[in-house]
């Protein structure tokens, strides 16, 4: 860390800072300037937090050199994390981007879910997603069919050979959910539900962690850190848009720049969710393409067999015919980019 002292700080102020740091294993170096004095400190900041240093008299500012997310950082692991499933599907690294599709909510109509799953399989998708426990803003909105929905999802996955994904809202539901699905999802509203993050971290199940509505990139990666700190390295990040002041034309602002930023600072795979990122059906395809172009490891899209009568998020869900057309174009794009990426890697090596 770098400690900038106040203009009027005394030698005694500076020495107290140095003593605190060196007593806790830091190496220090002091640079006395004409206006400010700067102390450079190298060590384990878990022994002395920046806040503790900042509280000392005469300290103007404390700057952190290394990012606080250690396990998720490229400083810790330079190569990309690749998450592999028993059927051979891989997410991350130089692998082809995956597609995770399905309805917002799993409904009573199993045949409708199966229709979506069959279309997903036909177009080369790897995952079927759908909500069984639904976190809704209003208590009067549809809350999900819970275990019945999980049974539907497992059955549809087995019939089509797709891996399955659903959201977990409460740590107490984890054992039940893990009996039915291949991947658990932590939604935007629970990105700082630390009890839930810790509970998921104590399992080996792959986790899709969505960015919070108002989360900074650092907060997003620290949420992943909570999971990894408990022992689960199988974290897949998901950019799903952040809250903005313009809610007339888009549901959220889909932060495309977060993908290459996270790729720079973290080894974890990251996918995009243009359905929640925009809230508009017509924006799903262009934003999915944008995400793939800037390096996303996959796309999550909401697809429904009858969007006009969907229990939730019908406005942003793709009807099956439209979805098939979108997937044709996405597959063309991903195959071309994957070929270029593979060739580039081969040339570099």
Protein backbone atom coordinates (compact mmCIF):
# COMPACT_ATOMS: atom_id res chain seq x y z
CA UNK A 1 0.00 0.00 0.00
CA UNK A 2 1.00 3.64 -0.42
CA UNK A 3 0.40 6.07 2.45
CA UNK A 4 0.30 9.77 1.65
CA UNK A 5 0.85 11.95 4.73
CA UNK A 6 -0.81 15.31 5.35
CA UNK A 7 1.12 18.44 4.45
CA UNK A 8 1.63 19.35 8.08
CA UNK A 9 2.39 15.85 9.36
CA UNK A 10 5.22 15.59 11.86
CA UNK A 11 8.15 13.15 11.98
CA UNK A 12 6.39 11.55 14.95
CA UNK A 13 3.23 10.99 12.85
CA UNK A 14 5.27 9.31 10.15
CA UNK A 15 7.16 7.14 12.62
CA UNK A 16 3.91 5.87 14.17
CA UNK A 17 2.77 4.74 10.73
CA UNK A 18 6.08 3.01 10.03
CA UNK A 19 6.14 1.35 13.47
CA UNK A 20 2.62 -0.03 13.04
CA UNK A 21 3.42 -1.45 9.62
CA UNK A 22 6.80 -2.92 10.48
CA UNK A 23 5.47 -4.49 13.69
CA UNK A 24 3.04 -6.37 11.45
CA UNK A 25 5.57 -7.67 8.97
CA UNK A 26 5.57 -4.90 6.35
CA UNK A 27 8.66 -3.57 4.65
CA UNK A 28 8.55 0.21 4.37
CA UNK A 29 10.24 2.94 2.43
CA UNK A 30 9.77 6.67 3.08
CA UNK A 31 10.00 9.43 0.46
CA UNK A 32 10.04 12.95 1.89
CA UNK A 33 8.99 15.51 -0.73
CA UNK A 34 8.80 19.30 -0.71
CA UNK A 35 5.04 19.17 -0.11
CA UNK A 36 3.99 15.62 0.79
CA UNK A 37 5.65 12.63 2.38
CA UNK A 38 4.86 9.22 0.93
CA UNK A 39 5.41 5.90 2.69
CA UNK A 40 5.54 2.75 0.57
CA UNK A 41 4.60 -0.45 2.39
CA UNK A 42 4.89 -4.02 1.14
CA UNK A 43 3.26 -6.87 3.04
CA UNK A 44 0.11 -8.78 3.90
CA UNK A 45 -2.68 -6.26 4.38
CA UNK A 46 -4.78 -8.79 6.30
CA UNK A 47 -2.46 -8.07 9.24
CA UNK A 48 -3.05 -4.31 9.04
CA UNK A 49 -6.08 -3.04 7.15
CA UNK A 50 -5.92 0.20 5.14
CA UNK A 51 -8.62 1.60 7.42
CA UNK A 52 -6.46 1.11 10.48
CA UNK A 53 -3.58 2.98 8.85
CA UNK A 54 -5.88 5.75 7.61
CA UNK A 55 -7.06 6.33 11.19
CA UNK A 56 -3.60 7.34 12.36
CA UNK A 57 -2.97 11.03 12.91
CA UNK A 58 -1.32 12.80 9.99
CA UNK A 59 -2.41 10.30 7.31
CA UNK A 60 -4.05 11.95 4.29
CA UNK A 61 -4.79 8.94 2.06
CA UNK A 62 -4.06 5.23 1.75
CA UNK A 63 -3.85 3.69 -1.73
CA UNK A 64 -3.96 -0.04 -2.37
CA UNK A 65 -1.61 -1.41 -5.02
CA UNK A 66 -2.94 -4.98 -5.19
CA UNK A 67 -6.62 -5.70 -5.60
CA UNK A 68 -8.43 -6.99 -2.50
CA UNK A 69 -9.83 -10.03 -4.36
CA UNK A 70 -6.94 -12.46 -4.06
CA UNK A 71 -8.25 -15.85 -5.11
CA UNK A 72 -10.12 -14.40 -8.10
CA UNK A 73 -7.18 -12.26 -9.21
CA UNK A 74 -4.75 -12.89 -12.05
CA UNK A 75 -2.01 -12.02 -9.59
CA UNK A 76 -2.85 -15.33 -7.92
CA UNK A 77 -3.56 -17.38 -11.06
CA UNK A 78 -2.38 -16.11 -14.43
CA UNK A 79 -4.08 -18.68 -16.66
CA UNK A 80 -7.84 -18.68 -17.27
CA UNK A 81 -9.99 -20.90 -15.10
CA UNK A 82 -11.84 -23.50 -17.16
CA UNK A 83 -14.85 -25.21 -15.61
CA UNK A 84 -15.50 -28.64 -17.09
CA UNK A 85 -18.65 -30.74 -16.73
CA UNK A 86 -18.92 -34.55 -16.80
CA UNK A 87 -20.38 -34.49 -20.33
CA UNK A 88 -17.32 -32.62 -21.66
CA UNK A 89 -18.79 -29.10 -21.81
CA UNK A 90 -16.22 -26.46 -20.84
CA UNK A 91 -16.62 -22.81 -19.87
CA UNK A 92 -13.68 -20.42 -19.97
CA UNK A 93 -10.25 -20.18 -21.53
CA UNK A 94 -10.04 -20.68 -25.28
CA UNK A 95 -13.18 -22.79 -25.41
CA UNK A 96 -16.11 -21.85 -27.61
CA UNK A 97 -18.67 -19.64 -25.80
CA UNK A 98 -21.59 -21.61 -24.36
CA UNK A 99 -25.31 -20.84 -24.56
CA UNK A 100 -27.58 -21.01 -21.51
CA UNK A 101 -31.24 -20.58 -22.43
CA UNK A 102 -34.73 -21.14 -21.08
CA UNK A 103 -37.74 -19.45 -19.51
CA UNK A 104 -37.53 -16.98 -16.66
CA UNK A 105 -39.86 -19.23 -14.65
CA UNK A 106 -40.62 -22.92 -15.01
CA UNK A 107 -44.40 -23.14 -15.28
CA UNK A 108 -47.12 -25.78 -15.08
CA UNK A 109 -46.85 -26.52 -18.81
CA UNK A 110 -44.10 -29.15 -19.02
CA UNK A 111 -44.58 -29.58 -22.76
CA UNK A 112 -43.83 -25.87 -23.20
CA UNK A 113 -40.58 -26.25 -21.27
CA UNK A 114 -39.68 -29.33 -23.33
CA UNK A 115 -40.32 -27.39 -26.53
CA UNK A 116 -37.83 -24.75 -25.43
CA UNK A 117 -35.31 -27.41 -24.36
CA UNK A 118 -35.63 -29.22 -27.69
CA UNK A 119 -35.05 -25.97 -29.58
CA UNK A 120 -32.01 -25.28 -27.39
CA UNK A 121 -30.56 -28.72 -28.14
CA UNK A 122 -31.30 -28.37 -31.85
CA UNK A 123 -29.43 -25.07 -32.08
CA UNK A 124 -26.35 -26.30 -30.21
CA UNK A 125 -26.97 -24.88 -26.74
CA UNK A 126 -25.40 -26.61 -23.77
CA UNK A 127 -27.58 -25.49 -20.84
CA UNK A 128 -31.26 -25.22 -19.96
CA UNK A 129 -32.07 -22.55 -17.39
CA UNK A 130 -35.24 -21.71 -15.53
CA UNK A 131 -36.46 -20.35 -12.21
CA UNK A 132 -38.01 -22.58 -9.56
CA UNK A 133 -37.70 -20.15 -6.64
CA UNK A 134 -38.34 -16.64 -7.95
CA UNK A 135 -37.09 -13.50 -6.14
CA UNK A 136 -39.70 -10.90 -7.10
CA UNK A 137 -39.91 -7.23 -6.23
CA UNK A 138 -43.61 -7.51 -5.38
CA UNK A 139 -44.99 -10.17 -3.02
CA UNK A 140 -48.02 -10.41 -5.33
CA UNK A 141 -45.97 -11.55 -8.34
CA UNK A 142 -45.46 -15.19 -9.30
CA UNK A 143 -42.98 -16.79 -6.88
CA UNK A 144 -42.21 -20.08 -8.67
CA UNK A 145 -43.30 -23.71 -8.39
CA UNK A 146 -40.27 -24.75 -6.32
CA UNK A 147 -39.63 -28.53 -6.18
CA UNK A 148 -42.20 -29.31 -8.86
CA UNK A 149 -40.35 -26.94 -11.17
CA UNK A 150 -37.03 -28.59 -10.30
CA UNK A 151 -38.46 -31.97 -11.25
CA UNK A 152 -39.63 -30.57 -14.58
CA UNK A 153 -36.19 -29.12 -15.25
CA UNK A 154 -34.36 -32.31 -14.41
CA UNK A 155 -36.70 -34.33 -16.63
CA UNK A 156 -36.30 -31.92 -19.56
CA UNK A 157 -32.53 -31.96 -19.11
CA UNK A 158 -32.44 -35.75 -19.14
CA UNK A 159 -34.67 -35.95 -22.23
CA UNK A 160 -32.53 -33.52 -24.23
CA UNK A 161 -29.07 -34.08 -22.76
CA UNK A 162 -28.78 -30.46 -21.62
CA UNK A 163 -27.09 -29.39 -18.40
CA UNK A 164 -29.43 -27.49 -16.06
CA UNK A 165 -29.25 -24.19 -14.17
CA UNK A 166 -31.56 -22.64 -11.58
CA UNK A 167 -31.36 -19.86 -9.01
CA UNK A 168 -30.95 -20.41 -5.29
CA UNK A 169 -32.43 -17.80 -2.97
CA UNK A 170 -31.78 -19.28 0.45
CA UNK A 171 -29.02 -21.44 1.90
CA UNK A 172 -31.61 -23.83 3.31
CA UNK A 173 -32.75 -24.69 -0.24
CA UNK A 174 -29.27 -25.70 -1.43
CA UNK A 175 -29.45 -29.44 -0.63
CA UNK A 176 -32.77 -29.76 -2.48
CA UNK A 177 -31.63 -27.75 -5.50
CA UNK A 178 -28.32 -29.58 -5.81
CA UNK A 179 -30.21 -32.87 -6.07
CA UNK A 180 -31.84 -31.66 -9.28
CA UNK A 181 -29.53 -29.32 -11.22
CA UNK A 182 -25.96 -29.14 -12.50
CA UNK A 183 -25.34 -25.44 -11.82
CA UNK A 184 -26.74 -23.08 -9.19
CA UNK A 185 -27.21 -19.40 -9.87
CA UNK A 186 -26.96 -16.56 -7.38
CA UNK A 187 -29.05 -13.66 -8.62
CA UNK A 188 -28.39 -9.93 -8.63
CA UNK A 189 -30.37 -9.37 -5.44
CA UNK A 190 -28.26 -11.88 -3.51
CA UNK A 191 -24.78 -10.90 -4.69
CA UNK A 192 -24.03 -9.58 -1.19
CA UNK A 193 -26.01 -12.17 0.72
CA UNK A 194 -22.85 -13.34 2.44
CA UNK A 195 -24.46 -16.23 4.27
CA UNK A 196 -25.67 -17.63 0.96
CA UNK A 197 -22.29 -17.01 -0.72
CA UNK A 198 -20.54 -18.90 2.08
CA UNK A 199 -23.01 -21.79 1.91
CA UNK A 200 -22.49 -22.18 -1.84
CA UNK A 201 -18.75 -21.86 -1.29
CA UNK A 202 -18.79 -24.93 0.95
CA UNK A 203 -20.06 -27.05 -1.95
CA UNK A 204 -18.27 -28.04 -5.15
CA UNK A 205 -21.26 -27.30 -7.40
CA UNK A 206 -20.52 -24.79 -10.22
CA UNK A 207 -21.99 -21.35 -9.50
CA UNK A 208 -23.18 -18.62 -11.85
CA UNK A 209 -22.81 -15.39 -9.89
CA UNK A 210 -24.73 -12.44 -11.32
CA UNK A 211 -23.58 -8.86 -10.87
CA UNK A 212 -25.66 -6.84 -8.43
CA UNK A 213 -27.94 -4.02 -9.56
CA UNK A 214 -25.57 -1.41 -8.10
CA UNK A 215 -22.37 -3.43 -7.70
CA UNK A 216 -19.04 -2.04 -8.80
CA UNK A 217 -16.71 -4.45 -10.57
CA UNK A 218 -14.61 -4.67 -7.41
CA UNK A 219 -17.66 -5.52 -5.28
CA UNK A 220 -18.70 -8.09 -7.88
CA UNK A 221 -15.32 -9.82 -7.73
CA UNK A 222 -15.27 -9.67 -3.94
CA UNK A 223 -18.60 -11.51 -3.92
CA UNK A 224 -16.91 -14.24 -5.98
CA UNK A 225 -14.06 -14.14 -3.47
CA UNK A 226 -16.47 -15.06 -0.67
CA UNK A 227 -17.43 -18.22 -2.55
CA UNK A 228 -13.86 -19.14 -3.41
CA UNK A 229 -12.59 -18.43 0.10
CA UNK A 230 -14.86 -21.21 1.38
CA UNK A 231 -13.24 -23.68 -1.01
CA UNK A 232 -15.37 -23.64 -4.18
CA UNK A 233 -13.31 -22.47 -7.20
CA UNK A 234 -16.07 -23.19 -9.73
CA UNK A 235 -17.39 -19.65 -10.14
CA UNK A 236 -18.81 -18.28 -13.40
CA UNK A 237 -19.43 -14.53 -13.36
CA UNK A 238 -22.41 -13.05 -15.20
CA UNK A 239 -22.80 -9.46 -16.39
CA UNK A 240 -26.53 -8.78 -16.36
CA UNK A 241 -26.71 -5.01 -16.37
CA UNK A 242 -26.70 -2.40 -13.63
CA UNK A 243 -29.34 0.08 -12.48
CA UNK A 244 -29.45 3.45 -14.23
CA UNK A 245 -31.58 6.59 -14.44
CA UNK A 246 -33.04 5.61 -17.85
CA UNK A 247 -35.67 2.92 -17.35
CA UNK A 248 -37.94 3.84 -20.24
CA UNK A 249 -36.03 2.21 -23.09
CA UNK A 250 -33.87 -0.35 -21.28
CA UNK A 251 -34.40 -2.26 -18.07
CA UNK A 252 -30.74 -1.85 -17.07
CA UNK A 253 -27.45 -0.63 -18.50
CA UNK A 254 -25.56 -3.63 -19.80
CA UNK A 255 -21.96 -2.87 -18.94
CA UNK A 256 -20.14 -4.43 -21.87
CA UNK A 257 -16.84 -2.88 -20.74
CA UNK A 258 -16.95 -4.96 -17.56
CA UNK A 259 -16.14 -8.10 -19.56
CA UNK A 260 -12.66 -7.11 -20.83
CA UNK A 261 -11.98 -5.35 -17.51
CA UNK A 262 -12.73 -8.53 -15.57
CA UNK A 263 -10.74 -10.57 -18.08
CA UNK A 264 -7.78 -8.29 -17.35
CA UNK A 265 -7.93 -8.52 -13.57
CA UNK A 266 -9.49 -11.96 -12.97
CA UNK A 267 -9.01 -15.49 -14.28
CA UNK A 268 -12.67 -16.44 -13.76
CA UNK A 269 -14.94 -17.06 -16.76
CA UNK A 270 -17.66 -14.48 -17.40
CA UNK A 271 -20.88 -14.75 -19.40
CA UNK A 272 -23.46 -12.11 -20.40
CA UNK A 273 -27.21 -11.96 -19.87
CA UNK A 274 -28.65 -9.53 -22.44
CA UNK A 275 -32.23 -10.44 -21.49
CA UNK A 276 -31.94 -8.89 -18.03
CA UNK A 277 -29.29 -6.48 -19.26
CA UNK A 278 -31.79 -4.74 -21.54
CA UNK A 279 -35.29 -5.98 -20.72
CA UNK A 280 -36.20 -5.71 -24.40
CA UNK A 281 -36.58 -8.63 -26.78
CA UNK A 282 -35.22 -6.72 -29.78
CA UNK A 283 -32.02 -5.82 -27.91
CA UNK A 284 -31.10 -9.37 -26.90
CA UNK A 285 -29.37 -10.34 -30.14
CA UNK A 286 -27.20 -7.22 -30.63
CA UNK A 287 -26.10 -7.17 -27.00
CA UNK A 288 -25.40 -10.92 -27.02
CA UNK A 289 -23.17 -10.35 -30.06
CA UNK A 290 -21.48 -7.42 -28.36
CA UNK A 291 -20.74 -9.56 -25.31
CA UNK A 292 -19.25 -12.35 -27.41
CA UNK A 293 -17.12 -9.93 -29.42
CA UNK A 294 -15.51 -8.40 -26.32
CA UNK A 295 -14.65 -11.82 -24.91
CA UNK A 296 -17.58 -13.28 -22.96
CA UNK A 297 -17.37 -17.03 -22.34
CA UNK A 298 -21.08 -17.53 -22.94
CA UNK A 299 -24.53 -16.02 -23.31
CA UNK A 300 -27.61 -16.49 -21.14
CA UNK A 301 -30.94 -15.73 -22.83
CA UNK A 302 -34.54 -16.07 -21.78
CA UNK A 303 -36.64 -18.13 -24.19
CA UNK A 304 -40.32 -18.99 -23.81
CA UNK A 305 -42.72 -21.07 -25.87
CA UNK A 306 -45.48 -18.47 -25.34
CA UNK A 307 -44.00 -15.13 -24.14
CA UNK A 308 -47.34 -13.31 -24.21
CA UNK A 309 -48.62 -15.60 -21.46
CA UNK A 310 -45.39 -16.06 -19.51
CA UNK A 311 -45.59 -15.88 -15.73
CA UNK A 312 -42.63 -13.49 -15.68
CA UNK A 313 -40.36 -11.54 -18.04
CA UNK A 314 -42.38 -12.23 -21.19
CA UNK A 315 -41.36 -8.88 -22.68
CA UNK A 316 -37.69 -9.81 -22.84
CA UNK A 317 -38.15 -13.51 -23.67
CA UNK A 318 -37.51 -14.72 -27.19
CA UNK A 319 -40.26 -16.84 -28.78
CA UNK A 320 -38.93 -20.15 -30.08
CA UNK A 321 -38.91 -19.26 -33.83
CA UNK A 322 -37.10 -15.98 -33.15
CA UNK A 323 -34.68 -17.76 -30.83
CA UNK A 324 -33.74 -20.25 -33.54
CA UNK A 325 -32.98 -17.43 -35.97
CA UNK A 326 -30.93 -15.59 -33.37
CA UNK A 327 -28.95 -18.73 -32.56
CA UNK A 328 -28.07 -19.29 -36.21
CA UNK A 329 -26.46 -15.88 -36.35
CA UNK A 330 -24.84 -16.20 -32.93
CA UNK A 331 -23.39 -19.60 -33.85
CA UNK A 332 -21.89 -18.15 -37.00
CA UNK A 333 -20.29 -15.35 -34.99
CA UNK A 334 -19.00 -17.57 -32.18
CA UNK A 335 -17.54 -20.11 -34.58
CA UNK A 336 -15.67 -17.41 -36.50
CA UNK A 337 -14.35 -15.72 -33.35
CA UNK A 338 -13.42 -19.06 -31.80
CA UNK A 339 -11.48 -20.00 -34.94
CA UNK A 340 -9.61 -16.68 -34.89
CA UNK A 341 -8.91 -17.02 -31.17
CA UNK A 342 -7.60 -20.57 -31.60
CA UNK A 343 -5.36 -19.55 -34.49
CA UNK A 344 -3.99 -16.60 -32.50
CA UNK A 345 -3.22 -18.82 -29.50
CA UNK A 346 -1.46 -21.33 -31.75
CA UNK A 347 0.68 -18.60 -33.32
CA UNK A 348 1.60 -17.16 -29.92
CA UNK A 349 2.65 -20.55 -28.56
